[in-house]
PDB file of all heavy atoms in Angstrom:
ATOM      1  N   TYR A   1      -7.367  -3.904  16.057  1.00  0.00           N
ATOM      2  CA  TYR A   1      -6.984  -4.042  14.650  1.00  0.00           C
ATOM      3  C   TYR A   1      -7.869  -5.014  13.872  1.00  0.00           C
ATOM      4  O   TYR A   1      -7.519  -5.429  12.773  1.00  0.00           O
ATOM      5  CB  TYR A   1      -5.519  -4.481  14.557  1.00  0.00           C
ATOM      6  CG  TYR A   1      -4.584  -3.474  15.181  1.00  0.00           C
ATOM      7  CD1 TYR A   1      -3.987  -3.721  16.411  1.00  0.00           C
ATOM      8  CD2 TYR A   1      -4.309  -2.266  14.541  1.00  0.00           C
ATOM      9  CE1 TYR A   1      -3.134  -2.793  16.992  1.00  0.00           C
ATOM     10  CE2 TYR A   1      -3.462  -1.332  15.115  1.00  0.00           C
ATOM     11  CZ  TYR A   1      -2.879  -1.594  16.343  1.00  0.00           C
ATOM     12  OH  TYR A   1      -2.038  -0.675  16.914  1.00  0.00           O
ATOM     13  N   LYS A   2      -9.051  -5.354  14.423  1.00  0.00           N
ATOM     14  CA  LYS A   2      -9.914  -6.334  13.761  1.00  0.00           C
ATOM     15  C   LYS A   2     -10.337  -5.893  12.362  1.00  0.00           C
ATOM     16  O   LYS A   2     -10.650  -6.726  11.520  1.00  0.00           O
ATOM     17  CB  LYS A   2     -11.136  -6.656  14.618  1.00  0.00           C
ATOM     18  CG  LYS A   2     -12.114  -5.529  14.767  1.00  0.00           C
ATOM     19  CD  LYS A   2     -13.284  -5.918  15.639  1.00  0.00           C
ATOM     20  CE  LYS A   2     -14.242  -4.749  15.758  1.00  0.00           C
ATOM     21  NZ  LYS A   2     -15.369  -5.074  16.631  1.00  0.00           N
ATOM     22  N   TRP A   3     -10.306  -4.609  12.083  1.00  0.00           N
ATOM     23  CA  TRP A   3     -10.635  -4.102  10.744  1.00  0.00           C
ATOM     24  C   TRP A   3      -9.707  -4.691   9.680  1.00  0.00           C
ATOM     25  O   TRP A   3     -10.099  -4.823   8.523  1.00  0.00           O
ATOM     26  CB  TRP A   3     -10.613  -2.573  10.712  1.00  0.00           C
ATOM     27  CG  TRP A   3      -9.314  -1.963  11.169  1.00  0.00           C
ATOM     28  CD1 TRP A   3      -8.964  -1.648  12.454  1.00  0.00           C
ATOM     29  CD2 TRP A   3      -8.197  -1.615  10.357  1.00  0.00           C
ATOM     30  NE1 TRP A   3      -7.693  -1.121  12.489  1.00  0.00           N
ATOM     31  CE2 TRP A   3      -7.198  -1.083  11.214  1.00  0.00           C
ATOM     32  CE3 TRP A   3      -7.936  -1.683   8.996  1.00  0.00           C
ATOM     33  CZ2 TRP A   3      -5.966  -0.635  10.745  1.00  0.00           C
ATOM     34  CZ3 TRP A   3      -6.716  -1.238   8.517  1.00  0.00           C
ATOM     35  CH2 TRP A   3      -5.743  -0.717   9.397  1.00  0.00           C
ATOM     36  N   LEU A   4      -8.487  -5.074  10.082  1.00  0.00           N
ATOM     37  CA  LEU A   4      -7.552  -5.681   9.133  1.00  0.00           C
ATOM     38  C   LEU A   4      -8.044  -7.032   8.616  1.00  0.00           C
ATOM     39  O   LEU A   4      -7.678  -7.442   7.512  1.00  0.00           O
ATOM     40  CB  LEU A   4      -6.179  -5.874   9.780  1.00  0.00           C
ATOM     41  CG  LEU A   4      -5.322  -4.627   9.964  1.00  0.00           C
ATOM     42  CD1 LEU A   4      -4.168  -4.914  10.906  1.00  0.00           C
ATOM     43  CD2 LEU A   4      -4.823  -4.116   8.627  1.00  0.00           C
ATOM     44  N   ASN A   5      -8.846  -7.738   9.422  1.00  0.00           N
ATOM     45  CA  ASN A   5      -9.361  -9.043   9.018  1.00  0.00           C
ATOM     46  C   ASN A   5     -10.252  -8.959   7.775  1.00  0.00           C
ATOM     47  O   ASN A   5     -10.499  -9.984   7.133  1.00  0.00           O
ATOM     48  CB  ASN A   5     -10.173  -9.679  10.155  1.00  0.00           C
ATOM     49  CG  ASN A   5      -9.320 -10.043  11.342  1.00  0.00           C
ATOM     50  OD1 ASN A   5      -8.162 -10.428  11.204  1.00  0.00           O
ATOM     51  ND2 ASN A   5      -9.877  -9.897  12.533  1.00  0.00           N
ATOM     52  N   ASN A   6     -10.730  -7.772   7.453  1.00  0.00           N
ATOM     53  CA  ASN A   6     -11.712  -7.612   6.379  1.00  0.00           C
ATOM     54  C   ASN A   6     -11.257  -6.691   5.265  1.00  0.00           C
ATOM     55  O   ASN A   6     -12.095  -6.102   4.572  1.00  0.00           O
ATOM     56  CB  ASN A   6     -13.034  -7.107   6.974  1.00  0.00           C
ATOM     57  CG  ASN A   6     -13.627  -8.130   7.917  1.00  0.00           C
ATOM     58  OD1 ASN A   6     -13.785  -9.282   7.557  1.00  0.00           O
ATOM     59  ND2 ASN A   6     -13.924  -7.706   9.128  1.00  0.00           N
ATOM     60  N   ILE A   7      -9.949  -6.567   5.080  1.00  0.00           N
ATOM     61  CA  ILE A   7      -9.465  -5.743   3.980  1.00  0.00           C
ATOM     62  C   ILE A   7      -8.484  -6.533   3.115  1.00  0.00           C
ATOM     63  O   ILE A   7      -7.919  -7.546   3.539  1.00  0.00           O
ATOM     64  CB  ILE A   7      -8.781  -4.440   4.452  1.00  0.00           C
ATOM     65  CG1 ILE A   7      -7.424  -4.738   5.134  1.00  0.00           C
ATOM     66  CG2 ILE A   7      -9.703  -3.628   5.348  1.00  0.00           C
ATOM     67  CD1 ILE A   7      -6.521  -3.536   5.269  1.00  0.00           C
ATOM     68  N   LEU A   8      -8.292  -6.029   1.927  1.00  0.00           N
ATOM     69  CA  LEU A   8      -7.242  -6.489   1.025  1.00  0.00           C
ATOM     70  C   LEU A   8      -6.305  -5.306   0.843  1.00  0.00           C
ATOM     71  O   LEU A   8      -6.748  -4.165   0.703  1.00  0.00           O
ATOM     72  CB  LEU A   8      -7.832  -6.896  -0.330  1.00  0.00           C
ATOM     73  CG  LEU A   8      -6.838  -7.282  -1.415  1.00  0.00           C
ATOM     74  CD1 LEU A   8      -6.215  -8.640  -1.110  1.00  0.00           C
ATOM     75  CD2 LEU A   8      -7.512  -7.294  -2.766  1.00  0.00           C
ATOM     76  N   ALA A   9      -5.012  -5.567   0.884  1.00  0.00           N
ATOM     77  CA  ALA A   9      -4.030  -4.516   0.626  1.00  0.00           C
ATOM     78  C   ALA A   9      -3.214  -4.913  -0.596  1.00  0.00           C
ATOM     79  O   ALA A   9      -2.926  -6.092  -0.808  1.00  0.00           O
ATOM     80  CB  ALA A   9      -3.124  -4.314   1.835  1.00  0.00           C
ATOM     81  N   ILE A  10      -2.877  -3.924  -1.380  1.00  0.00           N
ATOM     82  CA  ILE A  10      -1.996  -4.139  -2.522  1.00  0.00           C
ATOM     83  C   ILE A  10      -0.737  -3.322  -2.301  1.00  0.00           C
ATOM     84  O   ILE A  10      -0.740  -2.357  -1.536  1.00  0.00           O
ATOM     85  CB  ILE A  10      -2.675  -3.767  -3.861  1.00  0.00           C
ATOM     86  CG1 ILE A  10      -3.160  -2.317  -3.849  1.00  0.00           C
ATOM     87  CG2 ILE A  10      -3.799  -4.737  -4.163  1.00  0.00           C
ATOM     88  CD1 ILE A  10      -3.700  -1.836  -5.180  1.00  0.00           C
ATOM     89  N   GLY A  11       0.326  -3.737  -2.929  1.00  0.00           N
ATOM     90  CA  GLY A  11       1.561  -3.009  -2.698  1.00  0.00           C
ATOM     91  C   GLY A  11       2.507  -3.047  -3.868  1.00  0.00           C
ATOM     92  O   GLY A  11       2.409  -3.896  -4.756  1.00  0.00           O
ATOM     93  N   THR A  12       3.405  -2.099  -3.841  1.00  0.00           N
ATOM     94  CA  THR A  12       4.515  -2.061  -4.780  1.00  0.00           C
ATOM     95  C   THR A  12       5.777  -2.370  -3.993  1.00  0.00           C
ATOM     96  O   THR A  12       5.903  -1.993  -2.831  1.00  0.00           O
ATOM     97  CB  THR A  12       4.637  -0.686  -5.460  1.00  0.00           C
ATOM     98  OG1 THR A  12       4.864   0.307  -4.455  1.00  0.00           O
ATOM     99  CG2 THR A  12       3.385  -0.349  -6.242  1.00  0.00           C
ATOM    100  N   GLY A  13       6.682  -3.084  -4.620  1.00  0.00           N
ATOM    101  CA  GLY A  13       7.900  -3.487  -3.929  1.00  0.00           C
ATOM    102  C   GLY A  13       9.147  -3.058  -4.651  1.00  0.00           C
ATOM    103  O   GLY A  13       9.124  -2.725  -5.841  1.00  0.00           O
ATOM    104  N   HIS A  14      10.221  -3.065  -3.905  1.00  0.00           N
ATOM    105  CA  HIS A  14      11.546  -2.819  -4.463  1.00  0.00           C
ATOM    106  C   HIS A  14      12.534  -3.692  -3.702  1.00  0.00           C
ATOM    107  O   HIS A  14      12.469  -3.792  -2.478  1.00  0.00           O
ATOM    108  CB  HIS A  14      11.937  -1.355  -4.339  1.00  0.00           C
ATOM    109  CG  HIS A  14      13.314  -1.054  -4.857  1.00  0.00           C
ATOM    110  ND1 HIS A  14      13.723  -1.413  -6.131  1.00  0.00           N
ATOM    111  CD2 HIS A  14      14.366  -0.464  -4.281  1.00  0.00           C
ATOM    112  CE1 HIS A  14      14.976  -1.029  -6.303  1.00  0.00           C
ATOM    113  NE2 HIS A  14      15.397  -0.455  -5.192  1.00  0.00           N
ATOM    114  N   ARG A  15      13.431  -4.328  -4.416  1.00  0.00           N
ATOM    115  CA  ARG A  15      14.412  -5.233  -3.803  1.00  0.00           C
ATOM    116  C   ARG A  15      15.738  -4.510  -3.652  1.00  0.00           C
ATOM    117  O   ARG A  15      16.447  -4.290  -4.618  1.00  0.00           O
ATOM    118  CB  ARG A  15      14.571  -6.493  -4.662  1.00  0.00           C
ATOM    119  CG  ARG A  15      15.563  -7.511  -4.126  1.00  0.00           C
ATOM    120  CD  ARG A  15      14.980  -8.201  -2.888  1.00  0.00           C
ATOM    121  NE  ARG A  15      15.683  -9.396  -2.522  1.00  0.00           N
ATOM    122  CZ  ARG A  15      16.733  -9.425  -1.696  1.00  0.00           C
ATOM    123  NH1 ARG A  15      17.210  -8.335  -1.196  1.00  0.00           N
ATOM    124  NH2 ARG A  15      17.273 -10.584  -1.391  1.00  0.00           N
ATOM    125  N   PHE A  16      16.029  -4.082  -2.420  1.00  0.00           N
ATOM    126  CA  PHE A  16      17.336  -3.524  -2.095  1.00  0.00           C
ATOM    127  C   PHE A  16      18.282  -4.677  -1.775  1.00  0.00           C
ATOM    128  O   PHE A  16      17.827  -5.784  -1.444  1.00  0.00           O
ATOM    129  CB  PHE A  16      17.242  -2.598  -0.880  1.00  0.00           C
ATOM    130  CG  PHE A  16      16.611  -1.267  -1.181  1.00  0.00           C
ATOM    131  CD1 PHE A  16      15.286  -1.027  -0.871  1.00  0.00           C
ATOM    132  CD2 PHE A  16      17.351  -0.254  -1.775  1.00  0.00           C
ATOM    133  CE1 PHE A  16      14.698   0.195  -1.151  1.00  0.00           C
ATOM    134  CE2 PHE A  16      16.774   0.974  -2.054  1.00  0.00           C
ATOM    135  CZ  PHE A  16      15.444   1.202  -1.737  1.00  0.00           C
ATOM    136  N   PRO A  17      19.606  -4.469  -1.822  1.00  0.00           N
ATOM    137  CA  PRO A  17      20.545  -5.541  -1.479  1.00  0.00           C
ATOM    138  C   PRO A  17      20.286  -6.150  -0.093  1.00  0.00           C
ATOM    139  O   PRO A  17      20.430  -7.348   0.104  1.00  0.00           O
ATOM    140  CB  PRO A  17      21.911  -4.846  -1.541  1.00  0.00           C
ATOM    141  CG  PRO A  17      21.719  -3.776  -2.564  1.00  0.00           C
ATOM    142  CD  PRO A  17      20.301  -3.287  -2.347  1.00  0.00           C
ATOM    143  N   GLU A  18      19.846  -5.335   0.880  1.00  0.00           N
ATOM    144  CA  GLU A  18      19.609  -5.855   2.231  1.00  0.00           C
ATOM    145  C   GLU A  18      18.223  -6.455   2.428  1.00  0.00           C
ATOM    146  O   GLU A  18      17.937  -7.054   3.459  1.00  0.00           O
ATOM    147  CB  GLU A  18      19.865  -4.765   3.278  1.00  0.00           C
ATOM    148  CG  GLU A  18      18.996  -3.544   3.143  1.00  0.00           C
ATOM    149  CD  GLU A  18      19.526  -2.508   2.137  1.00  0.00           C
ATOM    150  OE1 GLU A  18      20.529  -2.742   1.453  1.00  0.00           O
ATOM    151  OE2 GLU A  18      18.886  -1.449   2.041  1.00  0.00           O
ATOM    152  N   GLY A  19      17.356  -6.324   1.455  1.00  0.00           N
ATOM    153  CA  GLY A  19      16.025  -6.904   1.555  1.00  0.00           C
ATOM    154  C   GLY A  19      14.988  -6.014   0.889  1.00  0.00           C
ATOM    155  O   GLY A  19      15.283  -4.881   0.506  1.00  0.00           O
ATOM    156  N   PRO A  20      13.758  -6.502   0.772  1.00  0.00           N
ATOM    157  CA  PRO A  20      12.726  -5.743   0.073  1.00  0.00           C
ATOM    158  C   PRO A  20      12.081  -4.661   0.936  1.00  0.00           C
ATOM    159  O   PRO A  20      12.054  -4.747   2.159  1.00  0.00           O
ATOM    160  CB  PRO A  20      11.695  -6.816  -0.303  1.00  0.00           C
ATOM    161  CG  PRO A  20      11.845  -7.845   0.755  1.00  0.00           C
ATOM    162  CD  PRO A  20      13.294  -7.841   1.129  1.00  0.00           C
ATOM    163  N   VAL A  21      11.551  -3.662   0.252  1.00  0.00           N
ATOM    164  CA  VAL A  21      10.740  -2.611   0.857  1.00  0.00           C
ATOM    165  C   VAL A  21       9.432  -2.574   0.083  1.00  0.00           C
ATOM    166  O   VAL A  21       9.430  -2.622  -1.149  1.00  0.00           O
ATOM    167  CB  VAL A  21      11.437  -1.237   0.781  1.00  0.00           C
ATOM    168  CG1 VAL A  21      10.514  -0.125   1.271  1.00  0.00           C
ATOM    169  CG2 VAL A  21      12.725  -1.246   1.573  1.00  0.00           C
ATOM    170  N   TYR A  22       8.316  -2.519   0.817  1.00  0.00           N
ATOM    171  CA  TYR A  22       6.995  -2.484   0.204  1.00  0.00           C
ATOM    172  C   TYR A  22       6.230  -1.261   0.677  1.00  0.00           C
ATOM    173  O   TYR A  22       6.268  -0.924   1.856  1.00  0.00           O
ATOM    174  CB  TYR A  22       6.169  -3.711   0.604  1.00  0.00           C
ATOM    175  CG  TYR A  22       6.742  -5.022   0.164  1.00  0.00           C
ATOM    176  CD1 TYR A  22       7.470  -5.817   1.044  1.00  0.00           C
ATOM    177  CD2 TYR A  22       6.527  -5.486  -1.131  1.00  0.00           C
ATOM    178  CE1 TYR A  22       7.984  -7.037   0.641  1.00  0.00           C
ATOM    179  CE2 TYR A  22       7.033  -6.707  -1.537  1.00  0.00           C
ATOM    180  CZ  TYR A  22       7.763  -7.474  -0.645  1.00  0.00           C
ATOM    181  OH  TYR A  22       8.258  -8.681  -1.059  1.00  0.00           O
ATOM    182  N   SER A  23       5.511  -0.627  -0.231  1.00  0.00           N
ATOM    183  CA  SER A  23       4.533   0.392   0.115  1.00  0.00           C
ATOM    184  C   SER A  23       3.170  -0.264  -0.056  1.00  0.00           C
ATOM    185  O   SER A  23       2.827  -0.666  -1.175  1.00  0.00           O
ATOM    186  CB  SER A  23       4.664   1.599  -0.806  1.00  0.00           C
ATOM    187  OG  SER A  23       5.902   2.244  -0.619  1.00  0.00           O
ATOM    188  N   LEU A  24       2.435  -0.401   1.057  1.00  0.00           N
ATOM    189  CA  LEU A  24       1.141  -1.081   1.014  1.00  0.00           C
ATOM    190  C   LEU A  24      -0.003  -0.082   1.113  1.00  0.00           C
ATOM    191  O   LEU A  24       0.088   0.913   1.837  1.00  0.00           O
ATOM    192  CB  LEU A  24       1.028  -2.105   2.143  1.00  0.00           C
ATOM    193  CG  LEU A  24       1.722  -3.412   1.787  1.00  0.00           C
ATOM    194  CD1 LEU A  24       3.079  -3.468   2.404  1.00  0.00           C
ATOM    195  CD2 LEU A  24       0.874  -4.564   2.172  1.00  0.00           C
ATOM    196  N   PHE A  25      -1.082  -0.424   0.390  1.00  0.00           N
ATOM    197  CA  PHE A  25      -2.261   0.429   0.321  1.00  0.00           C
ATOM    198  C   PHE A  25      -3.510  -0.412   0.568  1.00  0.00           C
ATOM    199  O   PHE A  25      -3.684  -1.459  -0.044  1.00  0.00           O
ATOM    200  CB  PHE A  25      -2.366   1.067  -1.072  1.00  0.00           C
ATOM    201  CG  PHE A  25      -1.156   1.885  -1.438  1.00  0.00           C
ATOM    202  CD1 PHE A  25      -0.045   1.283  -1.997  1.00  0.00           C
ATOM    203  CD2 PHE A  25      -1.142   3.243  -1.197  1.00  0.00           C
ATOM    204  CE1 PHE A  25       1.082   2.031  -2.334  1.00  0.00           C
ATOM    205  CE2 PHE A  25      -0.026   4.003  -1.525  1.00  0.00           C
ATOM    206  CZ  PHE A  25       1.090   3.393  -2.097  1.00  0.00           C
ATOM    207  N   GLU A  26      -4.382   0.069   1.461  1.00  0.00           N
ATOM    208  CA  GLU A  26      -5.665  -0.590   1.663  1.00  0.00           C
ATOM    209  C   GLU A  26      -6.540  -0.319   0.453  1.00  0.00           C
ATOM    210  O   GLU A  26      -6.660   0.813  -0.005  1.00  0.00           O
ATOM    211  CB  GLU A  26      -6.333  -0.032   2.920  1.00  0.00           C
ATOM    212  CG  GLU A  26      -7.716  -0.576   3.151  1.00  0.00           C
ATOM    213  CD  GLU A  26      -8.426   0.054   4.336  1.00  0.00           C
ATOM    214  OE1 GLU A  26      -7.833   0.883   5.050  1.00  0.00           O
ATOM    215  OE2 GLU A  26      -9.602  -0.314   4.548  1.00  0.00           O
ATOM    216  N   VAL A  27      -7.147  -1.387  -0.087  1.00  0.00           N
ATOM    217  CA  VAL A  27      -8.114  -1.207  -1.169  1.00  0.00           C
ATOM    218  C   VAL A  27      -9.450  -0.857  -0.513  1.00  0.00           C
ATOM    219  O   VAL A  27      -9.948  -1.607   0.333  1.00  0.00           O
ATOM    220  CB  VAL A  27      -8.233  -2.493  -2.029  1.00  0.00           C
ATOM    221  CG1 VAL A  27      -9.305  -2.296  -3.111  1.00  0.00           C
ATOM    222  CG2 VAL A  27      -6.886  -2.833  -2.656  1.00  0.00           C
TER     223      VAL A  27
END
């Protein structure tokens, strides 16, 4: 997974009562 060391990810979130959910995207 070393490729993760060199990326930025952006995401959209939503706050459900039990906690947040995020959809993440590699830029």
